[in-house]
Protein backbone atom coordinates (compact mmCIF):
# COMPACT_ATOMS: atom_id res chain seq x y z
CA GLN A 1 6.39 5.79 -4.35
CA VAL A 2 4.11 2.88 -3.50
CA GLN A 3 4.41 1.45 -0.03
CA LEU A 4 3.21 -2.02 0.88
CA VAL A 5 3.07 -3.39 4.42
CA GLU A 6 2.17 -7.03 4.94
CA SER A 7 0.98 -8.78 8.07
CA GLY A 8 -0.74 -11.96 9.17
CA GLY A 9 1.72 -14.74 8.55
CA GLY A 10 2.50 -17.43 11.09
CA LEU A 11 2.48 -21.10 11.95
CA VAL A 12 -0.66 -23.16 11.47
CA GLN A 13 -1.52 -26.82 11.33
CA ALA A 14 -2.56 -28.47 8.10
CA GLY A 15 -6.25 -27.88 7.48
CA GLY A 16 -6.18 -24.58 9.32
CA SER A 17 -6.65 -21.01 8.13
CA LEU A 18 -4.74 -17.76 8.03
CA ARG A 19 -5.52 -14.32 6.68
CA LEU A 20 -2.80 -12.14 5.23
CA SER A 21 -3.18 -8.38 4.91
CA CYS A 22 -1.36 -5.90 2.71
CA ALA A 23 -1.80 -2.20 3.36
CA ALA A 24 -1.03 -0.08 0.31
CA SER A 25 -0.57 3.64 -0.17
CA GLY A 26 -3.16 3.77 -2.96
CA ARG A 27 -5.51 1.75 -5.16
CA TYR A 28 -3.70 -0.52 -7.63
CA ILE A 29 -3.94 -3.95 -9.17
CA MET A 30 -2.66 -6.13 -6.34
CA GLY A 31 -1.17 -9.58 -6.43
CA TRP A 32 -0.02 -12.17 -3.95
CA PHE A 33 2.99 -14.32 -4.76
CA ARG A 34 4.88 -16.89 -2.73
CA GLN A 35 8.32 -18.39 -2.64
CA ALA A 36 9.20 -21.66 -0.97
CA PRO A 37 12.81 -22.53 -0.07
CA GLY A 38 14.77 -23.46 -3.17
CA MET A 39 11.86 -22.65 -5.45
CA GLU A 40 11.06 -19.81 -7.78
CA ARG A 41 8.55 -17.19 -6.76
CA GLU A 42 5.10 -18.09 -8.03
CA PHE A 43 1.78 -16.39 -8.55
CA VAL A 44 -0.98 -17.03 -6.02
CA ALA A 45 -3.80 -14.54 -6.65
CA ALA A 46 -4.56 -11.10 -8.04
CA ILE A 47 -7.37 -8.57 -7.81
CA SER A 48 -8.37 -5.62 -9.92
CA ARG A 49 -8.45 -2.03 -8.67
CA SER A 50 -12.18 -2.18 -8.01
CA GLY A 51 -12.12 -5.69 -6.59
CA GLY A 52 -14.56 -6.85 -9.24
CA SER A 53 -12.12 -9.21 -10.94
CA THR A 54 -9.88 -11.83 -9.39
CA ASP A 55 -7.51 -14.55 -10.59
CA TYR A 56 -6.02 -17.55 -8.82
CA ALA A 57 -3.34 -20.12 -9.37
CA ASP A 58 -4.82 -23.56 -9.92
CA SER A 59 -3.07 -24.82 -6.78
CA VAL A 60 -5.09 -22.50 -4.51
CA LYS A 61 -8.45 -22.26 -6.29
CA GLY A 62 -11.29 -23.07 -3.96
CA ARG A 63 -9.09 -22.67 -0.85
CA PHE A 64 -7.78 -19.10 -1.03
CA THR A 65 -9.77 -15.92 -1.50
CA ILE A 66 -8.34 -12.52 -2.40
CA SER A 67 -10.36 -9.44 -1.50
CA ARG A 68 -9.87 -5.76 -0.84
CA ASP A 69 -11.23 -2.93 1.22
CA ASN A 70 -10.65 0.18 -0.86
CA ALA A 71 -11.67 2.48 1.97
CA LYS A 72 -8.62 1.17 3.83
CA ASN A 73 -6.42 0.56 0.76
CA THR A 74 -5.92 -2.96 2.09
CA VAL A 75 -5.88 -6.28 0.27
CA TYR A 76 -6.46 -9.59 2.01
CA LEU A 77 -5.64 -13.19 1.26
CA GLN A 78 -7.86 -15.60 3.16
CA MET A 79 -6.22 -19.00 3.16
CA ASN A 80 -8.29 -22.01 4.17
CA SER A 81 -7.63 -25.74 4.15
CA LEU A 82 -3.91 -25.04 4.29
CA LYS A 83 -1.50 -27.75 3.24
CA ALA A 84 2.16 -28.31 4.01
CA GLU A 85 2.98 -27.38 0.43
CA ASP A 86 1.56 -23.88 1.04
CA THR A 87 4.55 -23.18 3.29
CA ALA A 88 6.41 -20.20 1.81
CA VAL A 89 7.18 -16.54 2.19
CA TYR A 90 4.18 -14.66 0.84
CA TYR A 91 4.63 -11.32 -0.90
CA CYS A 92 2.07 -8.77 -1.92
CA ALA A 93 2.81 -6.69 -4.98
CA ALA A 94 1.34 -3.68 -6.75
CA ASP A 95 0.97 -2.91 -10.43
CA TRP A 96 0.36 0.81 -10.21
CA THR A 97 0.10 1.63 -13.93
CA ALA A 98 -2.19 -1.02 -15.43
CA TYR A 99 -5.87 -1.87 -15.43
CA TYR A 100 -7.42 -5.33 -15.68
CA SER A 101 -9.20 -4.15 -18.81
CA ASP A 102 -5.92 -3.40 -20.61
CA SER A 103 -5.65 -5.49 -23.76
CA GLY A 104 -3.69 -8.67 -23.13
CA TYR A 105 -3.14 -7.98 -19.46
CA THR A 106 -2.03 -11.06 -17.53
CA PRO A 107 -2.22 -10.51 -13.76
CA GLY A 108 -0.13 -13.56 -12.93
CA GLN A 109 3.07 -12.27 -14.50
CA MET A 110 5.59 -11.01 -11.98
CA LYS A 111 7.06 -8.56 -14.46
CA ASN A 112 3.85 -6.53 -14.29
CA TYR A 113 4.40 -5.63 -10.66
CA ASP A 114 6.48 -2.61 -9.82
CA TYR A 115 6.40 -2.67 -6.03
CA TRP A 116 6.75 -5.49 -3.54
CA GLY A 117 6.16 -5.94 0.14
CA GLN A 118 8.77 -7.28 2.52
CA GLY A 119 7.23 -10.74 2.67
CA THR A 120 5.58 -12.67 5.49
CA GLN A 121 6.32 -16.27 6.43
CA VAL A 122 3.55 -18.84 6.35
CA THR A 123 4.42 -22.23 7.78
CA VAL A 124 1.96 -25.11 7.64
CA SER A 125 2.81 -28.09 9.81
CA SER A 126 1.60 -31.52 8.75
């Protein structure tokens, strides 16, 4: 059983920064997704087991950075230059069976992820 515990959400003004954390019970491919009210859940970022490979949604490239500390089994999402449209519940997720090197692997697909955190609210005021 994979356990994921998120923290770090909150209220911030537009242009500000927040860092989300997700503590996992092991080392897996990890992704961050978000869901705004009335919208479908969408991919934000993903990172390989080693941390050597990352992927981002176009909407957050250059503003968000995903990283991990494998000694702590923790993944981070550093969010800078936040915009009102970044307001959402953010979820971390774990794909505990796959590797980035798997043929045809697409880290942005929700169906790849077997375990999900409880979500943390990020609100950006304009």
